[in-house]
Every structure is written in C-alpha cells, then in structure tokens.
Amino acid sequence: MILPSEKELRAALARFAEVRFAHDVHPTAQSGRALEDATYTLCVMVGTRTVAEALAAADVLLQRFGADRKAAATQEDKTLAA
C-alpha cells in the first residue's frame, strides 16, 4: 500500500470532518453523497473498510509522521553539533 503524505491525510480528514458536520446538522441527499465520497476517500487512502478503522489508522499515521519529524530534527541537531 502506498502511504499518503501527511498533508494529503490531513486534507482528507478535514474534508471528512467538514462534510460529516454538515450532514449531521442538515442532512440532504447531496450532503449524504458528499459524506459517502469523503468516507470512501479516507478509507482508500489508509487501506481500511470502515470509517472507524480509517480514523484509527489515520491517528496511527499522524503519530508516525510526528515521530519521524522528531527523529529527523534530533538527527539534524546531532549533525550540527558535530
């Protein structure tokens, strides 16, 4: 599976949250289709079948991105100190 970039993942999560909120506040056929589309996109992006699994997988990926960023910064600090 090809992993999304952090930026792509955050954009998909933001889109999902936006349409989920809009559909919950004022459900219409259009908002339902938008929610299905955003859900599908998020699930495909993280390789899951349900929105609950997708959100959990997104959390894990975001933690990984943060850890990778922290490790890169630490390595850069060590390089500069040498």
N, C-alpha and C. Protein backbone atom coordinates (compact mmCIF):
# COMPACT_ATOMS: atom_id res chain seq x y z
N MET A 1 0.84 -1.18 0.00
CA MET A 1 0.00 0.00 0.00
C MET A 1 0.89 1.24 0.00
N ILE A 2 0.51 2.20 -0.79
CA ILE A 2 1.22 3.47 -0.84
C ILE A 2 0.63 4.37 0.24
N LEU A 3 1.49 4.88 1.11
CA LEU A 3 1.02 5.74 2.19
C LEU A 3 0.82 7.17 1.70
N PRO A 4 -0.22 7.82 2.19
CA PRO A 4 -0.42 9.22 1.81
C PRO A 4 0.60 10.11 2.52
N SER A 5 0.79 11.28 1.97
CA SER A 5 1.63 12.25 2.67
C SER A 5 0.82 12.80 3.85
N GLU A 6 1.52 13.41 4.77
CA GLU A 6 0.83 13.98 5.93
C GLU A 6 -0.16 15.05 5.48
N LYS A 7 0.24 15.86 4.52
CA LYS A 7 -0.63 16.92 4.01
C LYS A 7 -1.91 16.35 3.39
N GLU A 8 -1.77 15.31 2.57
CA GLU A 8 -2.94 14.68 1.95
C GLU A 8 -3.86 14.07 2.99
N LEU A 9 -3.27 13.41 3.98
CA LEU A 9 -4.06 12.78 5.02
C LEU A 9 -4.82 13.82 5.83
N ARG A 10 -4.15 14.89 6.21
CA ARG A 10 -4.82 15.95 6.97
C ARG A 10 -5.94 16.60 6.15
N ALA A 11 -5.72 16.76 4.86
CA ALA A 11 -6.76 17.33 3.99
C ALA A 11 -7.97 16.41 3.91
N ALA A 12 -7.74 15.11 3.80
CA ALA A 12 -8.85 14.14 3.74
C ALA A 12 -9.61 14.11 5.07
N LEU A 13 -8.88 14.19 6.17
CA LEU A 13 -9.54 14.22 7.48
C LEU A 13 -10.36 15.49 7.66
N ALA A 14 -9.82 16.61 7.21
CA ALA A 14 -10.55 17.88 7.32
C ALA A 14 -11.81 17.83 6.46
N ARG A 15 -11.70 17.30 5.26
CA ARG A 15 -12.87 17.19 4.37
C ARG A 15 -13.92 16.28 5.00
N PHE A 16 -13.49 15.14 5.54
CA PHE A 16 -14.42 14.23 6.18
C PHE A 16 -15.14 14.93 7.34
N ALA A 17 -14.39 15.63 8.18
CA ALA A 17 -14.99 16.32 9.33
C ALA A 17 -15.99 17.38 8.87
N GLU A 18 -15.62 18.11 7.84
CA GLU A 18 -16.48 19.17 7.32
C GLU A 18 -17.81 18.62 6.80
N VAL A 19 -17.74 17.58 5.98
CA VAL A 19 -18.99 17.04 5.41
C VAL A 19 -19.78 16.25 6.44
N ARG A 20 -19.09 15.63 7.38
CA ARG A 20 -19.81 14.90 8.44
C ARG A 20 -20.62 15.88 9.29
N PHE A 21 -20.00 17.00 9.64
CA PHE A 21 -20.69 18.02 10.43
C PHE A 21 -21.87 18.58 9.63
N ALA A 22 -21.63 18.92 8.38
CA ALA A 22 -22.69 19.48 7.54
C ALA A 22 -23.86 18.51 7.40
N HIS A 23 -23.56 17.24 7.23
CA HIS A 23 -24.62 16.23 7.09
C HIS A 23 -25.37 16.03 8.41
N ASP A 24 -24.64 16.06 9.51
CA ASP A 24 -25.30 15.89 10.81
C ASP A 24 -26.22 17.07 11.12
N VAL A 25 -25.82 18.28 10.74
CA VAL A 25 -26.61 19.47 11.02
C VAL A 25 -27.83 19.57 10.11
N HIS A 26 -27.60 19.29 8.83
CA HIS A 26 -28.70 19.43 7.86
C HIS A 26 -28.57 18.32 6.81
N PRO A 27 -29.08 17.13 7.13
CA PRO A 27 -28.93 16.00 6.20
C PRO A 27 -29.76 16.18 4.92
N THR A 28 -29.10 16.08 3.80
CA THR A 28 -29.75 16.11 2.50
C THR A 28 -29.14 14.99 1.65
N ALA A 29 -29.74 14.76 0.51
CA ALA A 29 -29.18 13.76 -0.40
C ALA A 29 -27.77 14.18 -0.83
N GLN A 30 -27.60 15.46 -1.08
CA GLN A 30 -26.30 15.96 -1.51
C GLN A 30 -25.25 15.81 -0.40
N SER A 31 -25.63 16.15 0.83
CA SER A 31 -24.67 16.02 1.93
C SER A 31 -24.36 14.55 2.21
N GLY A 32 -25.34 13.68 1.99
CA GLY A 32 -25.12 12.25 2.16
C GLY A 32 -24.12 11.71 1.14
N ARG A 33 -24.26 12.17 -0.11
CA ARG A 33 -23.30 11.76 -1.15
C ARG A 33 -21.91 12.30 -0.85
N ALA A 34 -21.84 13.54 -0.39
CA ALA A 34 -20.54 14.12 -0.05
C ALA A 34 -19.89 13.34 1.09
N LEU A 35 -20.69 12.93 2.07
CA LEU A 35 -20.16 12.15 3.20
C LEU A 35 -19.68 10.78 2.72
N GLU A 36 -20.45 10.14 1.86
CA GLU A 36 -20.03 8.85 1.32
C GLU A 36 -18.71 8.99 0.55
N ASP A 37 -18.59 10.05 -0.23
CA ASP A 37 -17.38 10.28 -1.01
C ASP A 37 -16.17 10.52 -0.10
N ALA A 38 -16.35 11.37 0.90
CA ALA A 38 -15.25 11.67 1.82
C ALA A 38 -14.85 10.43 2.62
N THR A 39 -15.84 9.64 3.01
CA THR A 39 -15.57 8.41 3.75
C THR A 39 -14.80 7.43 2.88
N TYR A 40 -15.27 7.26 1.65
CA TYR A 40 -14.60 6.35 0.72
C TYR A 40 -13.15 6.78 0.49
N THR A 41 -12.95 8.07 0.25
CA THR A 41 -11.60 8.59 0.01
C THR A 41 -10.68 8.30 1.19
N LEU A 42 -11.17 8.59 2.40
CA LEU A 42 -10.37 8.35 3.59
C LEU A 42 -10.05 6.87 3.76
N CYS A 43 -11.05 6.01 3.56
CA CYS A 43 -10.82 4.57 3.71
C CYS A 43 -9.80 4.05 2.71
N VAL A 44 -9.92 4.47 1.46
CA VAL A 44 -8.97 4.03 0.43
C VAL A 44 -7.57 4.54 0.75
N MET A 45 -7.50 5.78 1.20
CA MET A 45 -6.21 6.40 1.48
C MET A 45 -5.42 5.63 2.55
N VAL A 46 -6.12 5.10 3.55
CA VAL A 46 -5.42 4.40 4.64
C VAL A 46 -5.60 2.89 4.60
N GLY A 47 -6.30 2.40 3.57
CA GLY A 47 -6.41 0.96 3.36
C GLY A 47 -7.33 0.25 4.35
N THR A 48 -8.48 0.86 4.63
CA THR A 48 -9.44 0.25 5.56
C THR A 48 -10.80 0.14 4.89
N ARG A 49 -11.75 -0.49 5.60
CA ARG A 49 -13.08 -0.68 5.03
C ARG A 49 -14.17 0.10 5.75
N THR A 50 -13.91 0.55 6.96
CA THR A 50 -14.92 1.30 7.69
C THR A 50 -14.34 2.64 8.14
N VAL A 51 -15.24 3.57 8.42
CA VAL A 51 -14.78 4.89 8.86
C VAL A 51 -14.08 4.80 10.21
N ALA A 52 -14.56 3.94 11.09
CA ALA A 52 -13.92 3.79 12.41
C ALA A 52 -12.48 3.30 12.25
N GLU A 53 -12.30 2.30 11.38
CA GLU A 53 -10.95 1.79 11.12
C GLU A 53 -10.09 2.86 10.46
N ALA A 54 -10.68 3.63 9.55
CA ALA A 54 -9.93 4.68 8.84
C ALA A 54 -9.46 5.76 9.81
N LEU A 55 -10.32 6.17 10.72
CA LEU A 55 -9.94 7.20 11.69
C LEU A 55 -8.84 6.70 12.62
N ALA A 56 -8.95 5.44 13.03
CA ALA A 56 -7.92 4.85 13.89
C ALA A 56 -6.58 4.76 13.13
N ALA A 57 -6.64 4.32 11.88
CA ALA A 57 -5.43 4.21 11.07
C ALA A 57 -4.82 5.59 10.82
N ALA A 58 -5.66 6.59 10.60
CA ALA A 58 -5.17 7.96 10.39
C ALA A 58 -4.45 8.46 11.64
N ASP A 59 -5.00 8.17 12.82
CA ASP A 59 -4.33 8.56 14.07
C ASP A 59 -2.94 7.94 14.17
N VAL A 60 -2.84 6.67 13.83
CA VAL A 60 -1.55 5.97 13.89
C VAL A 60 -0.57 6.61 12.90
N LEU A 61 -1.04 6.89 11.70
CA LEU A 61 -0.16 7.51 10.70
C LEU A 61 0.29 8.90 11.14
N LEU A 62 -0.61 9.68 11.70
CA LEU A 62 -0.24 11.02 12.16
C LEU A 62 0.79 10.95 13.29
N GLN A 63 0.64 9.98 14.18
CA GLN A 63 1.64 9.79 15.23
C GLN A 63 2.98 9.42 14.62
N ARG A 64 2.94 8.58 13.61
CA ARG A 64 4.17 8.15 12.93
C ARG A 64 4.84 9.34 12.23
N PHE A 65 4.04 10.16 11.56
CA PHE A 65 4.60 11.35 10.92
C PHE A 65 5.28 12.25 11.95
N GLY A 66 4.64 12.41 13.10
CA GLY A 66 5.21 13.24 14.16
C GLY A 66 6.50 12.65 14.70
N ALA A 67 6.53 11.35 14.90
CA ALA A 67 7.73 10.69 15.39
C ALA A 67 8.86 10.79 14.37
N ASP A 68 8.53 10.64 13.10
CA ASP A 68 9.54 10.76 12.04
C ASP A 68 10.12 12.17 12.00
N ARG A 69 9.25 13.16 12.16
CA ARG A 69 9.69 14.55 12.16
C ARG A 69 10.61 14.82 13.35
N LYS A 70 10.24 14.27 14.51
CA LYS A 70 11.05 14.45 15.71
C LYS A 70 12.41 13.76 15.56
N ALA A 71 12.43 12.57 14.99
CA ALA A 71 13.68 11.85 14.78
C ALA A 71 14.58 12.60 13.80
N ALA A 72 13.97 13.17 12.77
CA ALA A 72 14.76 13.92 11.78
C ALA A 72 15.36 15.17 12.43
N ALA A 73 14.61 15.83 13.28
CA ALA A 73 15.12 17.02 13.96
C ALA A 73 16.26 16.65 14.91
N THR A 74 16.12 15.54 15.61
CA THR A 74 17.16 15.09 16.52
C THR A 74 18.43 14.76 15.75
N GLN A 75 18.27 14.09 14.61
CA GLN A 75 19.43 13.74 13.78
C GLN A 75 20.10 15.01 13.25
N GLU A 76 19.30 15.98 12.87
CA GLU A 76 19.86 17.25 12.38
C GLU A 76 20.64 17.96 13.48
N ASP A 77 20.11 17.93 14.71
CA ASP A 77 20.80 18.53 15.85
C ASP A 77 22.14 17.86 16.09
N LYS A 78 22.18 16.53 15.98
CA LYS A 78 23.42 15.80 16.18
C LYS A 78 24.44 16.14 15.09
N THR A 79 23.95 16.29 13.88
CA THR A 79 24.83 16.62 12.76
C THR A 79 25.41 18.02 12.94
N LEU A 80 24.59 18.97 13.36
CA LEU A 80 25.07 20.33 13.57
C LEU A 80 26.06 20.41 14.73
N ALA A 81 25.88 19.56 15.75
CA ALA A 81 26.75 19.58 16.91
C ALA A 81 28.14 19.01 16.58
N ALA A 82 28.19 18.16 15.59
CA ALA A 82 29.46 17.51 15.23
C ALA A 82 30.35 18.40 14.47
